[in-house]
Protein backbone atom coordinates (compact mmCIF):
# COMPACT_ATOMS: atom_id res chain seq x y z
CA MET A 1 116.33 163.39 90.35
CA LYS A 2 117.95 162.79 86.95
CA ALA A 3 119.37 165.65 84.98
CA PRO A 4 117.49 166.63 81.78
CA SER A 5 120.31 165.35 79.55
CA ALA A 6 120.24 161.93 81.24
CA ARG A 7 116.46 161.67 80.68
CA ASN A 8 116.89 162.67 77.02
CA LEU A 9 119.58 160.03 76.58
CA ALA A 10 117.35 157.34 78.14
CA ALA A 11 114.42 158.40 75.93
CA ARG A 12 116.59 158.29 72.80
CA LYS A 13 117.88 154.82 73.71
CA ALA A 14 114.32 153.57 74.27
CA LEU A 15 113.19 155.07 70.95
CA PHE A 16 116.16 153.48 69.18
CA ALA A 17 115.36 150.08 70.71
CA ILE A 18 111.71 150.36 69.58
CA LEU A 19 112.70 151.36 66.04
CA LEU A 20 115.25 148.56 65.87
CA GLY A 21 112.58 146.08 66.97
CA ILE A 22 110.22 147.32 64.23
CA VAL A 23 112.93 146.97 61.58
CA VAL A 24 113.77 143.44 62.72
CA MET A 25 110.08 142.44 62.64
CA ALA A 26 109.71 143.88 59.12
CA VAL A 27 112.75 141.96 57.86
CA VAL A 28 111.59 138.68 59.44
CA THR A 29 108.09 139.16 57.97
CA GLY A 30 109.59 139.76 54.52
CA ILE A 31 111.71 136.64 54.76
CA LEU A 32 108.79 134.49 55.90
CA GLN A 33 106.55 135.75 53.08
CA ASN A 34 109.11 134.88 50.41
CA ARG A 35 109.88 131.33 51.55
CA PRO A 36 108.76 128.48 49.30
CA TRP A 37 105.25 127.24 49.97
CA THR A 38 105.63 123.72 51.35
CA VAL A 39 102.70 121.42 50.64
CA PRO A 40 102.62 117.98 52.28
CA GLU A 41 102.95 115.06 49.83
CA GLU A 42 99.64 113.62 51.00
CA ALA A 43 97.88 116.89 50.14
CA LYS A 44 99.54 116.99 46.69
CA ARG A 45 98.08 113.57 45.86
CA ARG A 46 94.47 114.59 46.50
CA THR A 47 92.33 114.69 43.37
CA ASN A 48 89.37 116.89 42.65
CA PRO A 49 86.20 114.86 43.26
CA LEU A 50 84.12 117.22 41.11
CA GLU A 51 83.58 117.25 37.37
CA SER A 52 83.54 120.58 35.61
CA SER A 53 80.03 121.88 34.96
CA GLU A 54 78.58 125.16 33.82
CA SER A 55 76.69 125.64 37.10
CA GLY A 56 79.78 124.82 39.19
CA LEU A 57 81.98 127.22 37.21
CA LYS A 58 79.33 129.95 37.49
CA ALA A 59 79.15 129.50 41.27
CA ALA A 60 82.94 129.47 41.52
CA ARG A 61 83.19 132.59 39.35
CA ALA A 62 81.06 134.56 41.82
CA ILE A 63 83.26 133.42 44.72
CA TYR A 64 86.43 134.11 42.74
CA LEU A 65 85.35 137.66 41.90
CA ASP A 66 84.49 138.30 45.55
CA LYS A 67 87.47 136.67 47.26
CA CYS A 68 90.31 136.28 44.74
CA ALA A 69 90.12 138.82 41.90
CA ASN A 70 91.46 141.74 43.95
CA CYS A 71 94.87 140.08 43.87
CA HIS A 72 94.76 137.44 41.11
CA GLY A 73 92.81 139.60 38.62
CA GLU A 74 89.45 138.97 36.98
CA ALA A 75 91.00 136.76 34.31
CA GLY A 76 93.50 135.08 36.68
CA LYS A 77 96.60 136.84 35.37
CA GLY A 78 97.86 137.88 38.82
CA ASP A 79 97.15 141.51 37.94
CA GLY A 80 94.35 142.46 40.34
CA HIS A 81 94.25 146.03 41.61
CA ASP A 82 95.86 144.94 44.92
CA ALA A 83 98.54 142.74 43.29
CA SER A 84 101.24 145.41 43.39
CA LEU A 85 101.01 145.50 47.19
CA TYR A 86 102.43 141.99 47.57
CA ASP A 87 105.80 140.34 47.24
CA PRO A 88 105.76 137.67 46.01
CA ALA A 89 103.18 138.68 43.46
CA PRO A 90 99.92 136.71 43.23
CA SER A 91 100.02 133.68 40.93
CA ASN A 92 99.23 134.00 37.24
CA PHE A 93 96.69 131.24 36.60
CA THR A 94 96.84 131.75 32.81
CA ASP A 95 100.40 130.40 32.62
CA ALA A 96 99.60 126.90 31.32
CA ARG A 97 103.15 125.58 31.82
CA ARG A 98 103.21 126.65 35.46
CA MET A 99 99.68 125.45 36.13
CA HIS A 100 100.42 122.09 34.52
CA GLY A 101 103.08 121.53 37.20
CA VAL A 102 100.66 122.12 40.08
CA THR A 103 98.29 119.39 41.25
CA ASP A 104 94.68 119.98 42.24
CA GLY A 105 95.65 118.81 45.73
CA GLU A 106 98.34 121.50 46.00
CA MET A 107 95.88 124.19 45.00
CA PHE A 108 93.27 122.85 47.41
CA TYR A 109 95.82 122.90 50.23
CA LYS A 110 96.93 126.45 49.46
CA ILE A 111 93.38 127.76 49.18
CA SER A 112 92.40 125.97 52.39
CA GLU A 113 95.41 126.82 54.55
CA GLY A 114 96.50 130.16 53.11
CA ARG A 115 99.76 131.88 53.91
CA LYS A 116 100.37 135.56 54.39
CA PRO A 117 99.35 137.59 52.56
CA MET A 118 96.78 135.10 51.19
CA PRO A 119 94.05 134.29 53.70
CA ALA A 120 92.97 130.76 54.57
CA PHE A 121 89.58 129.76 53.19
CA LYS A 122 89.08 126.48 55.07
CA LYS A 123 86.51 128.11 57.38
CA ARG A 124 85.21 130.68 54.88
CA LEU A 125 84.33 128.34 52.02
CA THR A 126 82.91 124.84 51.93
CA GLU A 127 85.02 121.99 50.59
CA GLN A 128 82.87 121.90 47.45
CA GLN A 129 83.36 125.63 46.87
CA ARG A 130 87.14 125.22 47.13
CA TRP A 131 87.14 122.33 44.63
CA GLU A 132 84.91 124.37 42.28
CA LEU A 133 87.40 127.25 42.52
CA ILE A 134 90.13 124.88 41.38
CA LEU A 135 88.09 123.93 38.30
CA LEU A 136 87.65 127.63 37.52
CA ILE A 137 91.34 128.37 38.08
CA ARG A 138 92.27 125.52 35.73
CA SER A 139 89.99 127.03 33.09
CA PHE A 140 92.06 130.24 33.08
CA ALA A 141 95.00 128.31 31.62
CA GLY A 142 92.75 126.71 29.00
CA ARG A 143 93.26 123.21 30.39
CA SER A 144 91.19 121.16 32.74
CA ALA A 145 92.46 118.95 35.53
CA GLU A 146 91.27 115.98 33.49
CA ASP A 147 93.60 117.04 30.63
CA ASP A 148 96.51 117.22 33.07
CA ARG A 149 95.75 113.77 34.48
CA SER A 150 95.41 112.20 31.01
CA ASP A 151 98.75 113.72 29.96
CA ALA A 152 100.41 112.00 32.91
CA GLN A 153 99.03 108.57 31.98
CA PRO A 154 100.90 106.57 29.32
CA ASN A 155 98.95 105.71 26.15
């Protein structure tokens, strides 16, 4: 039979090992959440097959308020009531310069695939709903995807 001090030492070592494991997992999770979001080139080149319409934006708005506004904010500023819980912070869709540098295909990929802490919506939303969300998100910056495409084409 082990002496009480030997059992205490073994228990403290086990507790230390568990706490060390938790700290390591927290650090690894933090590192993985802050890595750049890599989108395949093929996905970046996809274009939105939908044209902006009042009915499509209205449908997307309802989905956005239900699934996205908690983090990205009602107006897309990245200031939803849960935004402060995340690092990196949710994207600000009203930043026209930033949004101009993101293709519809990139947004579609990110919405579809997700990445912690953002959930994947590939199985939760139809393809049309995801494309409609992109049209709505573009509207927050005051520019449409068509404007971005026409800017890229020489006159």
